[in-house]
Amino acid sequence: MGVTQAQIDSGEARAVAITLPLAGNARAKMQGIHDGLVKLFCLPLTGIIVGGVVVSPHASELIHAISLAVSEKITVDSFAQDFTVYPSLSGSIAEAARRLHGHSTDQVGKQIHV
């Protein structure tokens, strides 16, 4: 959804990225999900979410939140403060936003791997 890793890698888009494996998510553990990830891209300086990726058996249920964040130009700080149910797979998207807090001012193209 939105900006892609290929666009960032080619220099076509400027963004900071974070990749958060689902393996650490409590709901994923309960559901036996061992593989998968959430990736968010935000603009440097402003922290506005410009794209994201969800790789999971339930990706179609999770991508909507990222779609709204991109279309409404929500910042990682605002997104991180929104309510998520615990445990939930969607909590991984909010956690990725929390971990981008403070990193949005770092070097463009920076990849944060958790």
PDB file of N, CA and C in Angstrom:
ATOM      1  N   MET A   1       0.838  -1.171   0.000  1.00  0.00           N
ATOM      2  CA  MET A   1       0.000   0.000   0.000  1.00  0.00           C
ATOM      3  C   MET A   1       0.884   1.235   0.000  1.00  0.00           C
ATOM      4  N   GLY A   2       0.682   2.163  -0.904  1.00  0.00           N
ATOM      5  CA  GLY A   2       1.441   3.406  -0.937  1.00  0.00           C
ATOM      6  C   GLY A   2       2.847   3.217  -1.473  1.00  0.00           C
ATOM      7  N   VAL A   3       3.791   3.912  -0.867  1.00  0.00           N
ATOM      8  CA  VAL A   3       5.197   3.840  -1.276  1.00  0.00           C
ATOM      9  C   VAL A   3       5.714   2.409  -1.078  1.00  0.00           C
ATOM     10  N   THR A   4       6.549   1.964  -1.997  1.00  0.00           N
ATOM     11  CA  THR A   4       7.087   0.607  -1.929  1.00  0.00           C
ATOM     12  C   THR A   4       8.573   0.628  -1.580  1.00  0.00           C
ATOM     13  N   GLN A   5       9.075  -0.518  -1.160  1.00  0.00           N
ATOM     14  CA  GLN A   5      10.499  -0.663  -0.866  1.00  0.00           C
ATOM     15  C   GLN A   5      11.330  -0.387  -2.115  1.00  0.00           C
ATOM     16  N   ALA A   6      10.849  -0.824  -3.269  1.00  0.00           N
ATOM     17  CA  ALA A   6      11.575  -0.592  -4.521  1.00  0.00           C
ATOM     18  C   ALA A   6      11.709   0.899  -4.813  1.00  0.00           C
ATOM     19  N   GLN A   7      10.676   1.676  -4.535  1.00  0.00           N
ATOM     20  CA  GLN A   7      10.735   3.120  -4.758  1.00  0.00           C
ATOM     21  C   GLN A   7      11.743   3.783  -3.817  1.00  0.00           C
ATOM     22  N   ILE A   8      11.813   3.302  -2.596  1.00  0.00           N
ATOM     23  CA  ILE A   8      12.777   3.844  -1.643  1.00  0.00           C
ATOM     24  C   ILE A   8      14.196   3.471  -2.061  1.00  0.00           C
ATOM     25  N   ASP A   9      14.389   2.197  -2.414  1.00  0.00           N
ATOM     26  CA  ASP A   9      15.719   1.716  -2.815  1.00  0.00           C
ATOM     27  C   ASP A   9      16.246   2.442  -4.046  1.00  0.00           C
ATOM     28  N   SER A  10      15.353   2.783  -4.976  1.00  0.00           N
ATOM     29  CA  SER A  10      15.772   3.456  -6.210  1.00  0.00           C
ATOM     30  C   SER A  10      15.956   4.959  -6.022  1.00  0.00           C
ATOM     31  N   GLY A  11      15.532   5.498  -4.884  1.00  0.00           N
ATOM     32  CA  GLY A  11      15.619   6.933  -4.643  1.00  0.00           C
ATOM     33  C   GLY A  11      14.417   7.698  -5.154  1.00  0.00           C
ATOM     34  N   GLU A  12      13.473   6.984  -5.733  1.00  0.00           N
ATOM     35  CA  GLU A  12      12.255   7.621  -6.255  1.00  0.00           C
ATOM     36  C   GLU A  12      11.404   8.207  -5.124  1.00  0.00           C
ATOM     37  N   ALA A  13      11.433   7.566  -3.955  1.00  0.00           N
ATOM     38  CA  ALA A  13      10.691   8.040  -2.788  1.00  0.00           C
ATOM     39  C   ALA A  13      11.647   8.142  -1.608  1.00  0.00           C
ATOM     40  N   ARG A  14      11.419   9.124  -0.755  1.00  0.00           N
ATOM     41  CA  ARG A  14      12.243   9.318   0.431  1.00  0.00           C
ATOM     42  C   ARG A  14      11.432   8.873   1.636  1.00  0.00           C
ATOM     43  N   ALA A  15      11.950   7.926   2.370  1.00  0.00           N
ATOM     44  CA  ALA A  15      11.229   7.424   3.541  1.00  0.00           C
ATOM     45  C   ALA A  15      12.161   6.664   4.473  1.00  0.00           C
ATOM     46  N   VAL A  16      11.714   6.535   5.701  1.00  0.00           N
ATOM     47  CA  VAL A  16      12.363   5.692   6.703  1.00  0.00           C
ATOM     48  C   VAL A  16      11.459   4.473   6.851  1.00  0.00           C
ATOM     49  N   ALA A  17      12.037   3.291   6.995  1.00  0.00           N
ATOM     50  CA  ALA A  17      11.244   2.062   7.044  1.00  0.00           C
ATOM     51  C   ALA A  17      11.551   1.263   8.306  1.00  0.00           C
ATOM     52  N   ILE A  18      10.540   0.538   8.750  1.00  0.00           N
ATOM     53  CA  ILE A  18      10.731  -0.420   9.844  1.00  0.00           C
ATOM     54  C   ILE A  18      10.071  -1.726   9.445  1.00  0.00           C
ATOM     55  N   THR A  19      10.717  -2.820   9.777  1.00  0.00           N
ATOM     56  CA  THR A  19      10.169  -4.154   9.559  1.00  0.00           C
ATOM     57  C   THR A  19      10.019  -4.823  10.916  1.00  0.00           C
ATOM     58  N   LEU A  20       8.813  -5.293  11.208  1.00  0.00           N
ATOM     59  CA  LEU A  20       8.518  -5.935  12.480  1.00  0.00           C
ATOM     60  C   LEU A  20       7.957  -7.334  12.209  1.00  0.00           C
ATOM     61  N   PRO A  21       8.701  -8.376  12.562  1.00  0.00           N
ATOM     62  CA  PRO A  21       8.200  -9.747  12.360  1.00  0.00           C
ATOM     63  C   PRO A  21       6.972 -10.009  13.232  1.00  0.00           C
ATOM     64  N   LEU A  22       6.034 -10.774  12.700  1.00  0.00           N
ATOM     65  CA  LEU A  22       4.838 -11.129  13.472  1.00  0.00           C
ATOM     66  C   LEU A  22       5.117 -12.194  14.527  1.00  0.00           C
ATOM     67  N   ALA A  23       6.255 -12.841  14.448  1.00  0.00           N
ATOM     68  CA  ALA A  23       6.572 -13.930  15.377  1.00  0.00           C
ATOM     69  C   ALA A  23       6.525 -13.493  16.837  1.00  0.00           C
ATOM     70  N   GLY A  24       6.757 -12.219  17.105  1.00  0.00           N
ATOM     71  CA  GLY A  24       6.726 -11.730  18.475  1.00  0.00           C
ATOM     72  C   GLY A  24       5.348 -11.284  18.947  1.00  0.00           C
ATOM     73  N   ASN A  25       4.364 -11.315  18.059  1.00  0.00           N
ATOM     74  CA  ASN A  25       3.016 -10.871  18.394  1.00  0.00           C
ATOM     75  C   ASN A  25       2.269 -11.970  19.146  1.00  0.00           C
ATOM     76  N   ALA A  26       1.651 -11.614  20.270  1.00  0.00           N
ATOM     77  CA  ALA A  26       0.953 -12.605  21.105  1.00  0.00           C
ATOM     78  C   ALA A  26      -0.173 -13.314  20.361  1.00  0.00           C
ATOM     79  N   ARG A  27      -0.970 -12.590  19.583  1.00  0.00           N
ATOM     80  CA  ARG A  27      -2.080 -13.217  18.835  1.00  0.00           C
ATOM     81  C   ARG A  27      -1.531 -14.148  17.764  1.00  0.00           C
ATOM     82  N   ALA A  28      -0.448 -13.759  17.117  1.00  0.00           N
ATOM     83  CA  ALA A  28       0.163 -14.626  16.108  1.00  0.00           C
ATOM     84  C   ALA A  28       0.616 -15.930  16.749  1.00  0.00           C
ATOM     85  N   LYS A  29       1.207 -15.835  17.940  1.00  0.00           N
ATOM     86  CA  LYS A  29       1.615 -17.048  18.652  1.00  0.00           C
ATOM     87  C   LYS A  29       0.415 -17.933  18.960  1.00  0.00           C
ATOM     88  N   MET A  30      -0.684 -17.337  19.415  1.00  0.00           N
ATOM     89  CA  MET A  30      -1.902 -18.106  19.729  1.00  0.00           C
ATOM     90  C   MET A  30      -2.467 -18.799  18.502  1.00  0.00           C
ATOM     91  N   GLN A  31      -2.318 -18.155  17.337  1.00  0.00           N
ATOM     92  CA  GLN A  31      -2.866 -18.701  16.098  1.00  0.00           C
ATOM     93  C   GLN A  31      -1.861 -19.557  15.336  1.00  0.00           C
ATOM     94  N   GLY A  32      -0.677 -19.746  15.900  1.00  0.00           N
ATOM     95  CA  GLY A  32       0.327 -20.584  15.258  1.00  0.00           C
ATOM     96  C   GLY A  32       0.965 -19.951  14.033  1.00  0.00           C
ATOM     97  N   ILE A  33       0.948 -18.613  13.969  1.00  0.00           N
ATOM     98  CA  ILE A  33       1.569 -17.908  12.843  1.00  0.00           C
ATOM     99  C   ILE A  33       3.039 -17.687  13.191  1.00  0.00           C
ATOM    100  N   HIS A  34       3.908 -18.325  12.443  1.00  0.00           N
ATOM    101  CA  HIS A  34       5.345 -18.238  12.711  1.00  0.00           C
ATOM    102  C   HIS A  34       6.060 -17.311  11.737  1.00  0.00           C
ATOM    103  N   ASP A  35       5.468 -17.142  10.573  1.00  0.00           N
ATOM    104  CA  ASP A  35       6.062 -16.303   9.535  1.00  0.00           C
ATOM    105  C   ASP A  35       5.158 -15.108   9.275  1.00  0.00           C
ATOM    106  N   GLY A  36       5.728 -14.070   8.795  1.00  0.00           N
ATOM    107  CA  GLY A  36       4.967 -12.876   8.448  1.00  0.00           C
ATOM    108  C   GLY A  36       5.633 -11.644   9.018  1.00  0.00           C
ATOM    109  N   LEU A  37       5.198 -10.491   8.515  1.00  0.00           N
ATOM    110  CA  LEU A  37       5.792  -9.236   8.948  1.00  0.00           C
ATOM    111  C   LEU A  37       4.865  -8.080   8.673  1.00  0.00           C
ATOM    112  N   VAL A  38       5.162  -6.990   9.345  1.00  0.00           N
ATOM    113  CA  VAL A  38       4.539  -5.702   9.091  1.00  0.00           C
ATOM    114  C   VAL A  38       5.677  -4.739   8.794  1.00  0.00           C
ATOM    115  N   LYS A  39       5.532  -3.954   7.740  1.00  0.00           N
ATOM    116  CA  LYS A  39       6.544  -2.961   7.389  1.00  0.00           C
ATOM    117  C   LYS A  39       5.831  -1.636   7.178  1.00  0.00           C
ATOM    118  N   LEU A  40       6.352  -0.581   7.784  1.00  0.00           N
ATOM    119  CA  LEU A  40       5.817   0.765   7.599  1.00  0.00           C
ATOM    120  C   LEU A  40       6.888   1.675   7.031  1.00  0.00           C
ATOM    121  N   PHE A  41       6.455   2.622   6.202  1.00  0.00           N
ATOM    122  CA  PHE A  41       7.327   3.640   5.635  1.00  0.00           C
ATOM    123  C   PHE A  41       6.786   4.999   6.040  1.00  0.00           C
ATOM    124  N   CYS A  42       7.662   5.872   6.567  1.00  0.00           N
ATOM    125  CA  CYS A  42       7.226   7.224   6.905  1.00  0.00           C
ATOM    126  C   CYS A  42       8.188   8.243   6.322  1.00  0.00           C
ATOM    127  N   LEU A  43       7.673   9.453   6.139  1.00  0.00           N
ATOM    128  CA  LEU A  43       8.504  10.533   5.634  1.00  0.00           C
ATOM    129  C   LEU A  43       9.488  10.987   6.705  1.00  0.00           C
ATOM    130  N   PRO A  44      10.698  11.315   6.281  1.00  0.00           N
ATOM    131  CA  PRO A  44      11.636  11.894   7.238  1.00  0.00           C
ATOM    132  C   PRO A  44      11.097  13.256   7.691  1.00  0.00           C
ATOM    133  N   LEU A  45      11.449  13.660   8.853  1.00  0.00           N
ATOM    134  CA  LEU A  45      11.069  14.924   9.482  1.00  0.00           C
ATOM    135  C   LEU A  45       9.621  14.948   9.972  1.00  0.00           C
ATOM    136  N   THR A  46       8.642  14.697   9.097  1.00  0.00           N
ATOM    137  CA  THR A  46       7.241  14.803   9.518  1.00  0.00           C
ATOM    138  C   THR A  46       6.711  13.526  10.156  1.00  0.00           C
ATOM    139  N   GLY A  47       7.259  12.374   9.776  1.00  0.00           N
ATOM    140  CA  GLY A  47       6.774  11.100  10.290  1.00  0.00           C
ATOM    141  C   GLY A  47       5.459  10.659   9.684  1.00  0.00           C
ATOM    142  N   ILE A  48       5.014  11.293   8.606  1.00  0.00           N
ATOM    143  CA  ILE A  48       3.759  10.908   7.958  1.00  0.00           C
ATOM    144  C   ILE A  48       3.928   9.534   7.319  1.00  0.00           C
ATOM    145  N   ILE A  49       2.985   8.638   7.595  1.00  0.00           N
ATOM    146  CA  ILE A  49       3.015   7.294   7.029  1.00  0.00           C
ATOM    147  C   ILE A  49       2.667   7.377   5.543  1.00  0.00           C
ATOM    148  N   VAL A  50       3.571   6.876   4.695  1.00  0.00           N
ATOM    149  CA  VAL A  50       3.378   6.956   3.247  1.00  0.00           C
ATOM    150  C   VAL A  50       3.233   5.594   2.586  1.00  0.00           C
ATOM    151  N   GLY A  51       3.384   4.529   3.356  1.00  0.00           N
ATOM    152  CA  GLY A  51       3.248   3.202   2.769  1.00  0.00           C
ATOM    153  C   GLY A  51       3.436   2.117   3.799  1.00  0.00           C
ATOM    154  N   GLY A  52       3.118   0.907   3.388  1.00  0.00           N
ATOM    155  CA  GLY A  52       3.289  -0.224   4.273  1.00  0.00           C
ATOM    156  C   GLY A  52       3.031  -1.540   3.575  1.00  0.00           C
ATOM    157  N   VAL A  53       3.482  -2.586   4.216  1.00  0.00           N
ATOM    158  CA  VAL A  53       3.347  -3.944   3.700  1.00  0.00           C
ATOM    159  C   VAL A  53       2.925  -4.838   4.858  1.00  0.00           C
ATOM    160  N   VAL A  54       2.027  -5.776   4.578  1.00  0.00           N
ATOM    161  CA  VAL A  54       1.677  -6.806   5.552  1.00  0.00           C
ATOM    162  C   VAL A  54       1.809  -8.145   4.846  1.00  0.00           C
ATOM    163  N   VAL A  55       2.620  -9.034   5.410  1.00  0.00           N
ATOM    164  CA  VAL A  55       2.764 -10.394   4.901  1.00  0.00           C
ATOM    165  C   VAL A  55       2.305 -11.303   6.027  1.00  0.00           C
ATOM    166  N   SER A  56       1.132 -11.902   5.839  1.00  0.00           N
ATOM    167  CA  SER A  56       0.515 -12.699   6.895  1.00  0.00           C
ATOM    168  C   SER A  56      -0.672 -13.451   6.317  1.00  0.00           C
ATOM    169  N   PRO A  57      -1.051 -14.566   6.960  1.00  0.00           N
ATOM    170  CA  PRO A  57      -2.274 -15.241   6.516  1.00  0.00           C
ATOM    171  C   PRO A  57      -3.504 -14.327   6.611  1.00  0.00           C
ATOM    172  N   HIS A  58      -3.441 -13.294   7.437  1.00  0.00           N
ATOM    173  CA  HIS A  58      -4.576 -12.385   7.620  1.00  0.00           C
ATOM    174  C   HIS A  58      -4.271 -10.985   7.093  1.00  0.00           C
ATOM    175  N   ALA A  59      -3.411 -10.888   6.093  1.00  0.00           N
ATOM    176  CA  ALA A  59      -2.984  -9.590   5.562  1.00  0.00           C
ATOM    177  C   ALA A  59      -4.162  -8.757   5.079  1.00  0.00           C
ATOM    178  N   SER A  60      -5.144  -9.399   4.463  1.00  0.00           N
ATOM    179  CA  SER A  60      -6.284  -8.645   3.943  1.00  0.00           C
ATOM    180  C   SER A  60      -7.079  -7.964   5.051  1.00  0.00           C
ATOM    181  N   GLU A  61      -6.993  -8.472   6.270  1.00  0.00           N
ATOM    182  CA  GLU A  61      -7.680  -7.871   7.408  1.00  0.00           C
ATOM    183  C   GLU A  61      -6.861  -6.746   8.031  1.00  0.00           C
ATOM    184  N   LEU A  62      -5.579  -6.697   7.752  1.00  0.00           N
ATOM    185  CA  LEU A  62      -4.689  -5.737   8.399  1.00  0.00           C
ATOM    186  C   LEU A  62      -4.324  -4.537   7.526  1.00  0.00           C
ATOM    187  N   ILE A  63      -4.383  -4.680   6.223  1.00  0.00           N
ATOM    188  CA  ILE A  63      -3.896  -3.633   5.327  1.00  0.00           C
ATOM    189  C   ILE A  63      -4.774  -2.389   5.370  1.00  0.00           C
ATOM    190  N   HIS A  64      -6.044  -2.538   5.759  1.00  0.00           N
ATOM    191  CA  HIS A  64      -6.963  -1.403   5.782  1.00  0.00           C
ATOM    192  C   HIS A  64      -6.458  -0.278   6.691  1.00  0.00           C
ATOM    193  N   ALA A  65      -5.936  -0.622   7.837  1.00  0.00           N
ATOM    194  CA  ALA A  65      -5.427   0.396   8.762  1.00  0.00           C
ATOM    195  C   ALA A  65      -4.292   1.198   8.128  1.00  0.00           C
ATOM    196  N   ILE A  66      -3.421   0.527   7.401  1.00  0.00           N
ATOM    197  CA  ILE A  66      -2.319   1.230   6.730  1.00  0.00           C
ATOM    198  C   ILE A  66      -2.859   2.091   5.597  1.00  0.00           C
ATOM    199  N   SER A  67      -3.844   1.573   4.880  1.00  0.00           N
ATOM    200  CA  SER A  67      -4.474   2.333   3.802  1.00  0.00           C
ATOM    201  C   SER A  67      -5.055   3.645   4.319  1.00  0.00           C
ATOM    202  N   LEU A  68      -5.747   3.584   5.449  1.00  0.00           N
ATOM    203  CA  LEU A  68      -6.317   4.799   6.054  1.00  0.00           C
ATOM    204  C   LEU A  68      -5.221   5.760   6.498  1.00  0.00           C
ATOM    205  N   ALA A  69      -4.177   5.227   7.098  1.00  0.00           N
ATOM    206  CA  ALA A  69      -3.071   6.070   7.556  1.00  0.00           C
ATOM    207  C   ALA A  69      -2.435   6.824   6.389  1.00  0.00           C
ATOM    208  N   VAL A  70      -2.243   6.126   5.273  1.00  0.00           N
ATOM    209  CA  VAL A  70      -1.639   6.757   4.094  1.00  0.00           C
ATOM    210  C   VAL A  70      -2.581   7.808   3.511  1.00  0.00           C
ATOM    211  N   SER A  71      -3.838   7.448   3.313  1.00  0.00           N
ATOM    212  CA  SER A  71      -4.771   8.381   2.665  1.00  0.00           C
ATOM    213  C   SER A  71      -5.070   9.602   3.525  1.00  0.00           C
ATOM    214  N   GLU A  72      -5.011   9.463   4.841  1.00  0.00           N
ATOM    215  CA  GLU A  72      -5.304  10.580   5.743  1.00  0.00           C
ATOM    216  C   GLU A  72      -4.046  11.295   6.244  1.00  0.00           C
ATOM    217  N   LYS A  73      -2.880  10.858   5.735  1.00  0.00           N
ATOM    218  CA  LYS A  73      -1.594  11.475   6.098  1.00  0.00           C
ATOM    219  C   LYS A  73      -1.362  11.498   7.614  1.00  0.00           C
ATOM    220  N   ILE A  74      -1.602  10.357   8.226  1.00  0.00           N
ATOM    221  CA  ILE A  74      -1.431  10.211   9.669  1.00  0.00           C
ATOM    222  C   ILE A  74       0.055  10.016   9.987  1.00  0.00           C
ATOM    223  N   THR A  75       0.506  10.626  11.057  1.00  0.00           N
ATOM    224  CA  THR A  75       1.911  10.482  11.460  1.00  0.00           C
ATOM    225  C   THR A  75       2.083   9.199  12.280  1.00  0.00           C
ATOM    226  N   VAL A  76       3.328   8.744  12.368  1.00  0.00           N
ATOM    227  CA  VAL A  76       3.600   7.554  13.177  1.00  0.00           C
ATOM    228  C   VAL A  76       3.259   7.815  14.640  1.00  0.00           C
ATOM    229  N   ASP A  77       3.469   9.032  15.120  1.00  0.00           N
ATOM    230  CA  ASP A  77       3.150   9.349  16.509  1.00  0.00           C
ATOM    231  C   ASP A  77       1.644   9.272  16.764  1.00  0.00           C
ATOM    232  N   SER A  78       0.842   9.834  15.858  1.00  0.00           N
ATOM    233  CA  SER A  78      -0.612   9.758  16.009  1.00  0.00           C
ATOM    234  C   SER A  78      -1.107   8.313  15.913  1.00  0.00           C
ATOM    235  N   PHE A  79      -0.572   7.588  14.950  1.00  0.00           N
ATOM    236  CA  PHE A  79      -0.986   6.200  14.753  1.00  0.00           C
ATOM    237  C   PHE A  79      -0.646   5.351  15.975  1.00  0.00           C
ATOM    238  N   ALA A  80       0.529   5.582  16.532  1.00  0.00           N
ATOM    239  CA  ALA A  80       0.981   4.799  17.686  1.00  0.00           C
ATOM    240  C   ALA A  80       0.108   5.035  18.910  1.00  0.00           C
ATOM    241  N   GLN A  81      -0.514   6.200  18.991  1.00  0.00           N
ATOM    242  CA  GLN A  81      -1.352   6.522  20.144  1.00  0.00           C
ATOM    243  C   GLN A  81      -2.775   5.993  20.018  1.00  0.00           C
ATOM    244  N   ASP A  82      -3.160   5.556  18.820  1.00  0.00           N
ATOM    245  CA  ASP A  82      -4.514   5.029  18.635  1.00  0.00           C
ATOM    246  C   ASP A  82      -4.678   3.696  19.351  1.00  0.00           C
ATOM    247  N   PHE A  83      -5.886   3.394  19.734  1.00  0.00           N
ATOM    248  CA  PHE A  83      -6.216   2.207  20.509  1.00  0.00           C
ATOM    249  C   PHE A  83      -6.164   0.943  19.655  1.00  0.00           C
ATOM    250  N   THR A  84      -5.518  -0.079  20.158  1.00  0.00           N
ATOM    251  CA  THR A  84      -5.591  -1.417  19.555  1.00  0.00           C
ATOM    252  C   THR A  84      -5.932  -2.408  20.660  1.00  0.00           C
ATOM    253  N   VAL A  85      -6.639  -3.426  20.302  1.00  0.00           N
ATOM    254  CA  VAL A  85      -7.021  -4.474  21.246  1.00  0.00           C
ATOM    255  C   VAL A  85      -5.814  -5.374  21.486  1.00  0.00           C
ATOM    256  N   TYR A  86      -5.670  -5.870  22.702  1.00  0.00           N
ATOM    257  CA  TYR A  86      -4.588  -6.807  23.005  1.00  0.00           C
ATOM    258  C   TYR A  86      -5.191  -8.113  23.478  1.00  0.00           C
ATOM    259  N   PRO A  87      -4.745  -9.208  22.961  1.00  0.00           N
ATOM    260  CA  PRO A  87      -3.785  -9.352  21.868  1.00  0.00           C
ATOM    261  C   PRO A  87      -4.495  -9.270  20.515  1.00  0.00           C
ATOM    262  N   SER A  88      -3.843  -8.691  19.544  1.00  0.00           N
ATOM    263  CA  SER A  88      -4.373  -8.631  18.176  1.00  0.00           C
ATOM    264  C   SER A  88      -3.210  -8.535  17.198  1.00  0.00           C
ATOM    265  N   LEU A  89      -3.442  -9.002  15.991  1.00  0.00           N
ATOM    266  CA  LEU A  89      -2.425  -8.856  14.952  1.00  0.00           C
ATOM    267  C   LEU A  89      -2.245  -7.392  14.579  1.00  0.00           C
ATOM    268  N   SER A  90      -3.339  -6.615  14.640  1.00  0.00           N
ATOM    269  CA  SER A  90      -3.249  -5.201  14.298  1.00  0.00           C
ATOM    270  C   SER A  90      -2.344  -4.441  15.266  1.00  0.00           C
ATOM    271  N   GLY A  91      -2.156  -4.978  16.455  1.00  0.00           N
ATOM    272  CA  GLY A  91      -1.248  -4.353  17.408  1.00  0.00           C
ATOM    273  C   GLY A  91       0.166  -4.260  16.879  1.00  0.00           C
ATOM    274  N   SER A  92       0.539  -5.144  15.955  1.00  0.00           N
ATOM    275  CA  SER A  92       1.887  -5.095  15.367  1.00  0.00           C
ATOM    276  C   SER A  92       2.068  -3.856  14.498  1.00  0.00           C
ATOM    277  N   ILE A  93       1.000  -3.377  13.876  1.00  0.00           N
ATOM    278  CA  ILE A  93       1.101  -2.167  13.063  1.00  0.00           C
ATOM    279  C   ILE A  93       1.346  -0.968  13.976  1.00  0.00           C
ATOM    280  N   ALA A  94       0.597  -0.901  15.071  1.00  0.00           N
ATOM    281  CA  ALA A  94       0.793   0.187  16.036  1.00  0.00           C
ATOM    282  C   ALA A  94       2.182   0.112  16.663  1.00  0.00           C
ATOM    283  N   GLU A  95       2.654  -1.096  16.933  1.00  0.00           N
ATOM    284  CA  GLU A  95       3.997  -1.257  17.507  1.00  0.00           C
ATOM    285  C   GLU A  95       5.059  -0.802  16.516  1.00  0.00           C
ATOM    286  N   ALA A  96       4.868  -1.093  15.240  1.00  0.00           N
ATOM    287  CA  ALA A  96       5.822  -0.622  14.226  1.00  0.00           C
ATOM    288  C   ALA A  96       5.851   0.909  14.203  1.00  0.00           C
ATOM    289  N   ALA A  97       4.685   1.527  14.312  1.00  0.00           N
ATOM    290  CA  ALA A  97       4.618   2.997  14.349  1.00  0.00           C
ATOM    291  C   ALA A  97       5.323   3.530  15.589  1.00  0.00           C
ATOM    292  N   ARG A  98       5.120   2.874  16.741  1.00  0.00           N
ATOM    293  CA  ARG A  98       5.803   3.303  17.973  1.00  0.00           C
ATOM    294  C   ARG A  98       7.317   3.239  17.808  1.00  0.00           C
ATOM    295  N   ARG A  99       7.785   2.206  17.155  1.00  0.00           N
ATOM    296  CA  ARG A  99       9.232   2.043  16.990  1.00  0.00           C
ATOM    297  C   ARG A  99       9.820   3.007  15.962  1.00  0.00           C
ATOM    298  N   LEU A 100       8.971   3.567  15.095  1.00  0.00           N
ATOM    299  CA  LEU A 100       9.437   4.600  14.171  1.00  0.00           C
ATOM    300  C   LEU A 100       9.503   5.963  14.858  1.00  0.00           C
ATOM    301  N   HIS A 101       8.849   6.114  15.989  1.00  0.00           N
ATOM    302  CA  HIS A 101       8.884   7.376  16.723  1.00  0.00           C
ATOM    303  C   HIS A 101      10.339   7.754  16.996  1.00  0.00           C
ATOM    304  N   GLY A 102      10.684   8.962  16.646  1.00  0.00           N
ATOM    305  CA  GLY A 102      12.054   9.413  16.860  1.00  0.00           C
ATOM    306  C   GLY A 102      13.009   9.046  15.741  1.00  0.00           C
ATOM    307  N   HIS A 103      12.652   8.045  14.947  1.00  0.00           N
ATOM    308  CA  HIS A 103      13.522   7.646  13.835  1.00  0.00           C
ATOM    309  C   HIS A 103      13.154   8.394  12.559  1.00  0.00           C
ATOM    310  N   SER A 104      12.002   9.042  12.540  1.00  0.00           N
ATOM    311  CA  SER A 104      11.574   9.712  11.314  1.00  0.00           C
ATOM    312  C   SER A 104      12.495  10.875  10.951  1.00  0.00           C
ATOM    313  N   THR A 105      13.293  11.346  11.888  1.00  0.00           N
ATOM    314  CA  THR A 105      14.243  12.415  11.580  1.00  0.00           C
ATOM    315  C   THR A 105      15.609  11.865  11.167  1.00  0.00           C
ATOM    316  N   ASP A 106      15.762  10.551  11.223  1.00  0.00           N
ATOM    317  CA  ASP A 106      17.041   9.933  10.851  1.00  0.00           C
ATOM    318  C   ASP A 106      17.233   9.957   9.341  1.00  0.00           C
ATOM    319  N   GLN A 107      18.305   9.375   8.933  1.00  0.00           N
ATOM    320  CA  GLN A 107      18.705   9.325   7.527  1.00  0.00           C
ATOM    321  C   GLN A 107      17.627   8.706   6.646  1.00  0.00           C
ATOM    322  N   VAL A 108      17.357   9.352   5.517  1.00  0.00           N
ATOM    323  CA  VAL A 108      16.413   8.844   4.529  1.00  0.00           C
ATOM    324  C   VAL A 108      16.872   7.480   4.035  1.00  0.00           C
ATOM    325  N   GLY A 109      15.950   6.578   3.854  1.00  0.00           N
ATOM    326  CA  GLY A 109      16.267   5.250   3.363  1.00  0.00           C
ATOM    327  C   GLY A 109      16.724   4.301   4.459  1.00  0.00           C
ATOM    328  N   LYS A 110      16.802   4.790   5.674  1.00  0.00           N
ATOM    329  CA  LYS A 110      17.232   3.949   6.781  1.00  0.00           C
ATOM    330  C   LYS A 110      16.243   2.802   6.979  1.00  0.00           C
ATOM    331  N   GLN A 111      16.774   1.641   7.207  1.00  0.00           N
ATOM    332  CA  GLN A 111      15.960   0.450   7.465  1.00  0.00           C
ATOM    333  C   GLN A 111      16.141   0.052   8.917  1.00  0.00           C
ATOM    334  N   ILE A 112      15.038  -0.033   9.639  1.00  0.00           N
ATOM    335  CA  ILE A 112      15.079  -0.476  11.033  1.00  0.00           C
ATOM    336  C   ILE A 112      14.510  -1.886  11.055  1.00  0.00           C
ATOM    337  N   HIS A 113      15.314  -2.832  11.460  1.00  0.00           N
ATOM    338  CA  HIS A 113      14.851  -4.225  11.543  1.00  0.00           C
ATOM    339  C   HIS A 113      14.778  -4.608  13.007  1.00  0.00           C
ATOM    340  N   VAL A 114      13.638  -5.131  13.372  1.00  0.00           N
ATOM    341  CA  VAL A 114      13.427  -5.516  14.770  1.00  0.00           C
ATOM    342  C   VAL A 114      13.563  -7.019  14.890  1.00  0.00           C
TER     343      VAL A 114
END
